[in-house]
Amino acid sequence: MRPHAEDAFAFELAALAAQDDRPRPARWKMSPWAVATYLLGGVLPDGTVISPKYVGPRRIVEVAVTTLATDRALLLLGVPGTAKTWVSEHLAAAVSGDSTLLVQGTAGTPEEAIRYGWNYAQLLAHGPSRDALVPSPVMRAMAEGATVRVEELTRIPADVQDTLITVLSEKTLPIPELGQEVQAVRGFNLIATANDRDRGVNELSSALRRRFNTVVLPLPESVEAEVDIVARRVDQIGRSLDLPAAPDGFEEIRRVVTVFRELRDGVTADGRTKVKSPSGTLSTAEAISVVTSGLALAAHFGDGVLRPADVAAGILGAVVRDPAADRVVWQEYLEAVVRERAGWTDFYRACREVSA
């Protein structure tokens, strides 16, 4: 349903690699300049258009790519919905041609997911050996000189997080059961993503944090930038789900983004009215989800045109996470802001209907 970045954008990656004559670090598929171009978009000398994967400050991408070209690991830090996972996947695809070496961080992630595990049938039959060892994605990346991703690092228990310290500082992974170790091959590096805003996160130890170069991914600076991001991703997701393009849907996308930004910032776009913020993050990723769901509603149960009624229920679900406190915040925003805004009457009625 969702191809990996190296498959979905194989043509762009091949075109960049073919025309890239700049120096490449060991085992990189292309130069740092080409990796940045792949992320930010551009036009190649032969006219090939590279679509932007990340819309934001160029310097952030340049610092992230440069970090991977050194022996420092990269930590992408930001609030939920700032495209940390999206950026890490595309960085790995461009650098190593493989974004599938992945450790998904959760509260139950064991140490074996970062170090190695054992094939217990082999272990019982023949004892500890390399044949009985099951390498983790980190171990495989070290042996192959590739890029490995650790998603949601701060959700992993602190004692498991710290198993990365030796890997990042010494570039080795000891296997004491065999009296051996795996040494990282040149080209190996690690990209981690983390946020410290959600519930259930574990602070990184100072020792581990020192092993990373931290790059903070900000929320979009302007309404126009966020609308552009949402429109691009909704179009990509819609095409992957075979949803028809919604004519005149741009206005509803702008409306969703405006609502999310105002509730997130605690003030209306004109700065005249303060509003309360709900408990949720109301991220760009959630705006993409709301619009995609609305597009599906319009396609399957409407006339194919994205309208206020198609996005109203999604907005309500995104805003009202705490049924008691958030519902009050939403009702006050509807009556004080949406009701009085010119051209928003249909949107106000649709939101009132689903909120009743």
Protein backbone atom coordinates (compact mmCIF):
# COMPACT_ATOMS: atom_id res chain seq x y z
CA MET A 1 0.00 0.00 0.00
CA ARG A 2 2.85 2.36 0.79
CA PRO A 3 6.10 1.72 -1.09
CA HIS A 4 9.37 2.57 0.59
CA ALA A 5 10.95 5.88 -0.39
CA GLU A 6 13.64 4.21 -2.48
CA ASP A 7 10.92 2.47 -4.51
CA ALA A 8 8.40 5.32 -4.75
CA PHE A 9 11.06 7.79 -5.92
CA ALA A 10 13.39 5.37 -7.70
CA PHE A 11 13.36 7.46 -10.90
CA GLU A 12 14.43 10.64 -9.11
CA LEU A 13 17.14 8.83 -7.15
CA ALA A 14 18.51 7.23 -10.32
CA ALA A 15 18.47 10.54 -12.19
CA LEU A 16 20.32 12.30 -9.38
CA ALA A 17 22.93 9.55 -9.07
CA ALA A 18 23.53 9.53 -12.83
CA GLN A 19 24.19 13.28 -13.02
CA ASP A 20 25.99 13.61 -9.70
CA ASP A 21 29.70 14.26 -10.26
CA ARG A 22 30.51 15.57 -6.77
CA PRO A 23 32.56 13.69 -4.16
CA ARG A 24 30.67 10.95 -2.32
CA PRO A 25 31.44 9.69 1.20
CA ALA A 26 32.25 5.99 1.53
CA ARG A 27 29.34 3.75 0.47
CA TRP A 28 27.00 6.67 -0.19
CA LYS A 29 24.80 6.34 -3.27
CA MET A 30 25.23 10.05 -4.05
CA SER A 31 26.97 13.17 -2.81
CA PRO A 32 25.71 15.27 0.11
CA TRP A 33 24.68 17.95 -2.39
CA ALA A 34 22.54 15.45 -4.30
CA VAL A 35 20.98 14.14 -1.08
CA ALA A 36 19.98 17.70 -0.12
CA THR A 37 18.58 18.28 -3.63
CA TYR A 38 16.55 15.08 -3.33
CA LEU A 39 15.04 16.28 -0.04
CA LEU A 40 14.42 19.90 -1.03
CA GLY A 41 13.63 19.47 -4.72
CA GLY A 42 15.06 21.13 -7.81
CA VAL A 43 15.62 20.81 -11.55
CA LEU A 44 18.60 18.84 -12.88
CA PRO A 45 20.68 19.96 -15.89
CA ASP A 46 18.82 17.52 -18.16
CA GLY A 47 15.46 18.99 -17.11
CA THR A 48 14.48 16.24 -14.67
CA VAL A 49 12.28 17.69 -11.94
CA ILE A 50 13.03 16.52 -8.39
CA SER A 51 9.96 16.93 -6.20
CA PRO A 52 10.48 18.41 -2.72
CA LYS A 53 10.14 15.89 0.10
CA TYR A 54 10.60 18.45 2.86
CA VAL A 55 9.35 22.03 2.85
CA GLY A 56 11.35 24.07 5.31
CA PRO A 57 14.63 25.91 5.87
CA ARG A 58 17.35 24.64 3.54
CA ARG A 59 19.99 24.99 6.23
CA ILE A 60 18.26 22.39 8.41
CA VAL A 61 18.55 19.79 5.65
CA GLU A 62 22.15 20.75 4.90
CA VAL A 63 23.15 20.35 8.56
CA ALA A 64 21.38 16.97 8.77
CA VAL A 65 23.08 15.66 5.62
CA THR A 66 26.48 16.98 6.69
CA THR A 67 26.10 15.25 10.06
CA LEU A 68 25.59 11.90 8.35
CA ALA A 69 28.80 12.47 6.39
CA THR A 70 30.73 12.59 9.67
CA ASP A 71 31.01 10.02 12.46
CA ARG A 72 28.27 11.74 14.46
CA ALA A 73 24.80 10.22 14.66
CA LEU A 74 21.82 12.40 13.76
CA LEU A 75 18.90 13.12 16.12
CA LEU A 76 15.84 14.68 14.50
CA LEU A 77 13.96 16.37 17.32
CA GLY A 78 10.59 18.10 17.17
CA VAL A 79 6.99 18.08 18.25
CA PRO A 80 4.75 15.39 16.74
CA GLY A 81 3.88 15.97 13.12
CA THR A 82 6.98 17.88 12.03
CA ALA A 83 7.96 15.21 9.43
CA LYS A 84 10.75 13.61 11.48
CA THR A 85 9.98 10.08 10.30
CA TRP A 86 9.40 11.27 6.72
CA VAL A 87 12.76 13.06 6.63
CA SER A 88 14.64 10.15 8.23
CA GLU A 89 13.22 7.70 5.70
CA HIS A 90 14.18 9.85 2.72
CA LEU A 91 17.64 10.55 4.12
CA ALA A 92 18.29 6.82 4.50
CA ALA A 93 16.93 6.12 1.01
CA ALA A 94 19.16 8.76 -0.59
CA VAL A 95 22.30 7.94 1.38
CA SER A 96 22.17 4.12 1.45
CA GLY A 97 19.46 3.24 -1.05
CA ASP A 98 17.68 1.34 1.72
CA SER A 99 15.33 2.83 4.33
CA THR A 100 14.20 -0.54 5.74
CA LEU A 101 16.89 -0.93 8.41
CA LEU A 102 14.56 0.27 11.13
CA VAL A 103 14.07 -0.07 14.88
CA GLN A 104 10.61 1.12 15.92
CA GLY A 105 10.75 2.51 19.41
CA THR A 106 7.98 1.66 21.87
CA ALA A 107 7.69 1.21 25.63
CA GLY A 108 8.23 -2.50 25.04
CA THR A 109 11.26 -2.34 22.74
CA PRO A 110 13.77 -4.89 24.09
CA GLU A 111 17.54 -4.63 24.10
CA GLU A 112 17.68 -7.35 21.43
CA ALA A 113 16.04 -4.98 18.94
CA ILE A 114 19.14 -2.78 19.09
CA ARG A 115 21.88 -5.36 19.76
CA TYR A 116 21.05 -8.92 18.60
CA GLY A 117 18.87 -11.88 19.47
CA TRP A 118 19.17 -15.66 19.24
CA ASN A 119 17.60 -18.43 17.22
CA TYR A 120 16.77 -20.59 20.21
CA ALA A 121 16.41 -23.81 18.18
CA GLN A 122 19.98 -23.36 16.93
CA LEU A 123 21.14 -22.21 20.35
CA LEU A 124 19.78 -25.33 22.12
CA ALA A 125 21.00 -27.68 19.43
CA HIS A 126 24.52 -26.33 18.88
CA GLY A 127 25.19 -23.74 21.57
CA PRO A 128 26.18 -20.09 21.04
CA SER A 129 27.50 -19.46 17.53
CA ARG A 130 27.26 -16.89 14.78
CA ASP A 131 24.74 -19.14 13.02
CA ALA A 132 22.47 -18.96 16.06
CA LEU A 133 22.77 -15.18 16.32
CA VAL A 134 19.94 -13.02 14.89
CA PRO A 135 21.36 -9.61 13.98
CA SER A 136 19.40 -6.46 14.72
CA PRO A 137 18.98 -3.73 12.08
CA VAL A 138 21.73 -1.79 13.90
CA MET A 139 24.14 -4.73 13.66
CA ARG A 140 23.33 -5.23 9.99
CA ALA A 141 23.92 -1.55 9.22
CA MET A 142 27.27 -1.67 11.02
CA ALA A 143 28.38 -4.70 9.01
CA GLU A 144 27.18 -3.29 5.69
CA GLY A 145 28.23 0.34 6.16
CA ALA A 146 24.64 1.50 5.81
CA THR A 147 22.27 3.93 7.53
CA VAL A 148 19.94 2.61 10.23
CA ARG A 149 16.91 4.42 11.62
CA VAL A 150 15.64 4.39 15.21
CA GLU A 151 12.14 5.84 15.35
CA GLU A 152 10.72 7.36 18.55
CA LEU A 153 13.93 6.96 20.53
CA THR A 154 12.42 8.63 23.60
CA ARG A 155 9.70 5.98 23.82
CA ILE A 156 12.31 3.27 24.37
CA PRO A 157 13.09 2.53 28.05
CA ALA A 158 16.15 4.43 29.26
CA ASP A 159 18.25 1.32 29.97
CA VAL A 160 17.62 0.05 26.43
CA GLN A 161 18.41 3.47 24.93
CA ASP A 162 21.83 3.38 26.53
CA THR A 163 22.81 0.24 24.64
CA LEU A 164 23.48 2.65 21.77
CA ILE A 165 26.26 4.45 23.65
CA THR A 166 28.99 1.94 22.78
CA VAL A 167 27.74 1.64 19.21
CA LEU A 168 27.88 5.41 18.67
CA SER A 169 31.07 6.16 20.58
CA GLU A 170 33.27 3.13 19.87
CA LYS A 171 31.58 2.05 16.60
CA THR A 172 31.60 -1.52 17.87
CA LEU A 173 28.95 -3.93 19.13
CA PRO A 174 30.35 -6.49 21.59
CA ILE A 175 29.06 -10.08 21.52
CA PRO A 176 30.31 -11.33 24.92
CA GLU A 177 28.67 -14.77 24.53
CA LEU A 178 31.05 -15.46 21.63
CA GLY A 179 33.99 -13.37 22.77
CA GLN A 180 33.63 -11.36 19.55
CA GLU A 181 32.50 -7.97 18.37
CA VAL A 182 31.07 -6.38 15.25
CA GLN A 183 33.00 -3.34 14.05
CA ALA A 184 31.23 -0.71 11.98
CA VAL A 185 32.25 -0.43 8.35
CA ARG A 186 32.83 3.04 6.91
CA GLY A 187 29.53 4.46 5.76
CA PHE A 188 27.63 3.34 8.84
CA ASN A 189 25.54 5.92 10.63
CA LEU A 190 22.34 6.20 12.62
CA ILE A 191 19.33 8.52 12.37
CA ALA A 192 17.07 8.74 15.41
CA THR A 193 13.82 10.64 15.80
CA ALA A 194 12.42 11.86 19.10
CA ASN A 195 9.98 14.23 20.70
CA ASP A 196 9.63 15.33 24.30
CA ARG A 197 6.08 16.66 24.16
CA ASP A 198 3.92 13.53 24.20
CA ARG A 199 3.07 11.48 27.25
CA GLY A 200 5.07 8.33 27.85
CA VAL A 201 8.45 9.60 26.73
CA ASN A 202 11.76 8.82 28.44
CA GLU A 203 14.43 11.49 28.66
CA LEU A 204 17.69 10.72 26.91
CA SER A 205 20.67 10.41 29.22
CA SER A 206 23.28 13.14 28.84
CA ALA A 207 25.82 10.49 27.82
CA LEU A 208 23.62 9.33 24.94
CA ARG A 209 22.56 12.79 23.86
CA ARG A 210 26.25 13.80 23.52
CA ARG A 211 26.65 11.10 20.89
CA PHE A 212 24.15 12.83 18.62
CA ASN A 213 24.15 16.00 16.61
CA THR A 214 20.62 17.31 17.23
CA VAL A 215 18.63 18.99 14.48
CA VAL A 216 15.28 20.48 15.51
CA LEU A 217 12.56 20.32 12.88
CA PRO A 218 10.23 23.29 13.39
CA LEU A 219 6.56 23.66 12.63
CA PRO A 220 5.89 25.46 9.31
CA GLU A 221 6.52 29.19 9.66
CA SER A 222 3.52 30.43 7.69
CA VAL A 223 0.03 29.40 6.66
CA GLU A 224 1.15 29.28 3.03
CA ALA A 225 4.00 26.90 3.80
CA GLU A 226 1.79 24.57 5.83
CA VAL A 227 -0.97 24.62 3.20
CA ASP A 228 1.61 23.70 0.57
CA ILE A 229 2.87 20.77 2.68
CA VAL A 230 -0.65 19.48 3.35
CA ALA A 231 -1.71 19.83 -0.29
CA ARG A 232 1.38 17.96 -1.55
CA ARG A 233 1.03 15.08 0.90
CA VAL A 234 -2.72 14.76 0.41
CA ASP A 235 -2.18 14.57 -3.34
CA GLN A 236 0.47 11.85 -2.92
CA ILE A 237 -1.65 9.85 -0.48
CA GLY A 238 -4.77 10.30 -2.61
CA ARG A 239 -3.01 8.95 -5.69
CA SER A 240 -1.71 5.94 -3.74
CA LEU A 241 -5.28 5.19 -2.60
CA ASP A 242 -6.73 5.80 -6.08
CA LEU A 243 -8.83 8.70 -4.82
CA PRO A 244 -9.84 11.24 -7.46
CA ALA A 245 -8.34 14.70 -7.21
CA ALA A 246 -10.78 17.01 -5.44
CA PRO A 247 -11.53 20.13 -7.49
CA ASP A 248 -11.60 23.37 -5.53
CA GLY A 249 -10.28 21.56 -2.45
CA PHE A 250 -7.55 24.10 -1.81
CA GLU A 251 -9.91 26.39 0.10
CA GLU A 252 -10.87 23.63 2.54
CA ILE A 253 -7.21 22.73 3.05
CA ARG A 254 -6.47 26.35 3.92
CA ARG A 255 -9.42 26.38 6.31
CA VAL A 256 -8.25 23.24 8.14
CA VAL A 257 -4.71 24.58 8.41
CA THR A 258 -5.96 27.95 9.68
CA VAL A 259 -8.08 26.30 12.41
CA PHE A 260 -5.20 24.10 13.53
CA ARG A 261 -2.69 26.97 13.60
CA GLU A 262 -4.98 29.30 15.55
CA LEU A 263 -5.83 26.68 18.17
CA ARG A 264 -2.18 25.64 18.35
CA ASP A 265 -0.93 29.22 18.76
CA GLY A 266 -3.71 30.38 21.07
CA VAL A 267 -4.51 33.43 18.93
CA THR A 268 -6.30 34.12 15.66
CA ALA A 269 -4.32 34.79 12.49
CA ASP A 270 -4.94 38.54 12.70
CA GLY A 271 -3.70 38.62 16.31
CA ARG A 272 -6.89 40.24 17.58
CA THR A 273 -8.54 37.39 19.47
CA LYS A 274 -6.97 35.06 21.99
CA VAL A 275 -8.31 31.51 22.05
CA LYS A 276 -7.73 28.54 24.33
CA SER A 277 -5.58 25.68 23.08
CA PRO A 278 -6.77 22.06 23.33
CA SER A 279 -4.72 19.22 24.80
CA GLY A 280 -3.70 17.75 21.42
CA THR A 281 -0.77 18.90 19.27
CA LEU A 282 -2.81 19.67 16.11
CA SER A 283 0.20 18.98 13.94
CA THR A 284 0.64 19.23 10.20
CA ALA A 285 0.43 15.43 10.04
CA GLU A 286 -3.01 15.55 11.68
CA ALA A 287 -4.15 18.19 9.18
CA ILE A 288 -3.04 15.86 6.38
CA SER A 289 -5.06 13.04 7.94
CA VAL A 290 -8.17 15.21 8.28
CA VAL A 291 -8.04 16.38 4.67
CA THR A 292 -7.32 12.87 3.34
CA SER A 293 -10.33 11.49 5.23
CA GLY A 294 -12.44 14.34 3.90
CA LEU A 295 -11.26 13.58 0.37
CA ALA A 296 -12.34 9.96 0.80
CA LEU A 297 -15.76 11.07 2.06
CA ALA A 298 -16.21 13.42 -0.88
CA ALA A 299 -15.20 10.69 -3.35
CA HIS A 300 -17.32 7.85 -1.96
CA PHE A 301 -20.31 9.59 -0.39
CA GLY A 302 -20.43 12.99 -2.08
CA ASP A 303 -20.05 14.56 -5.48
CA GLY A 304 -16.27 14.45 -5.45
CA VAL A 305 -15.91 18.09 -4.39
CA LEU A 306 -14.24 18.61 -0.99
CA ARG A 307 -16.68 20.59 1.15
CA PRO A 308 -16.84 21.80 4.80
CA ALA A 309 -19.02 18.84 5.81
CA ASP A 310 -16.31 16.43 4.63
CA VAL A 311 -13.65 17.82 6.96
CA ALA A 312 -15.78 18.87 9.95
CA ALA A 313 -15.90 15.46 11.64
CA GLY A 314 -12.16 14.97 11.20
CA ILE A 315 -11.41 18.34 12.76
CA LEU A 316 -13.66 17.54 15.72
CA GLY A 317 -11.85 14.24 16.28
CA ALA A 318 -8.45 15.92 16.10
CA VAL A 319 -9.33 18.78 18.44
CA VAL A 320 -11.47 17.04 21.06
CA ARG A 321 -9.14 14.50 22.66
CA ASP A 322 -10.30 15.22 26.21
CA PRO A 323 -14.12 15.01 26.01
CA ALA A 324 -14.60 17.43 28.89
CA ALA A 325 -11.97 20.16 28.57
CA ASP A 326 -11.37 20.09 24.81
CA ARG A 327 -15.06 20.20 23.92
CA VAL A 328 -15.39 23.48 25.81
CA VAL A 329 -12.35 24.88 23.98
CA TRP A 330 -13.80 23.84 20.62
CA GLN A 331 -17.26 25.27 21.31
CA GLU A 332 -15.80 28.61 22.41
CA TYR A 333 -13.65 28.76 19.28
CA LEU A 334 -16.62 27.98 17.05
CA GLU A 335 -18.81 30.69 18.56
CA ALA A 336 -16.17 33.39 19.07
CA VAL A 337 -14.12 32.97 15.88
CA VAL A 338 -15.65 30.70 13.22
CA ARG A 339 -19.18 32.07 13.54
CA GLU A 340 -18.02 35.65 12.99
CA ARG A 341 -15.65 34.97 10.10
CA ALA A 342 -16.81 36.08 6.66
CA GLY A 343 -17.20 33.25 4.15
CA TRP A 344 -17.12 30.54 6.83
CA THR A 345 -20.88 30.11 7.33
CA ASP A 346 -21.06 26.66 5.71
CA PHE A 347 -18.06 25.52 7.70
CA TYR A 348 -19.58 26.82 10.94
CA ARG A 349 -22.85 24.98 10.29
CA ALA A 350 -21.06 21.73 9.42
CA CYS A 351 -18.97 21.90 12.60
CA ARG A 352 -22.01 22.71 14.74
CA GLU A 353 -23.84 19.74 13.24
CA VAL A 354 -21.13 17.19 14.03
CA SER A 355 -20.47 18.76 17.44
CA ALA A 356 -24.09 18.54 18.57
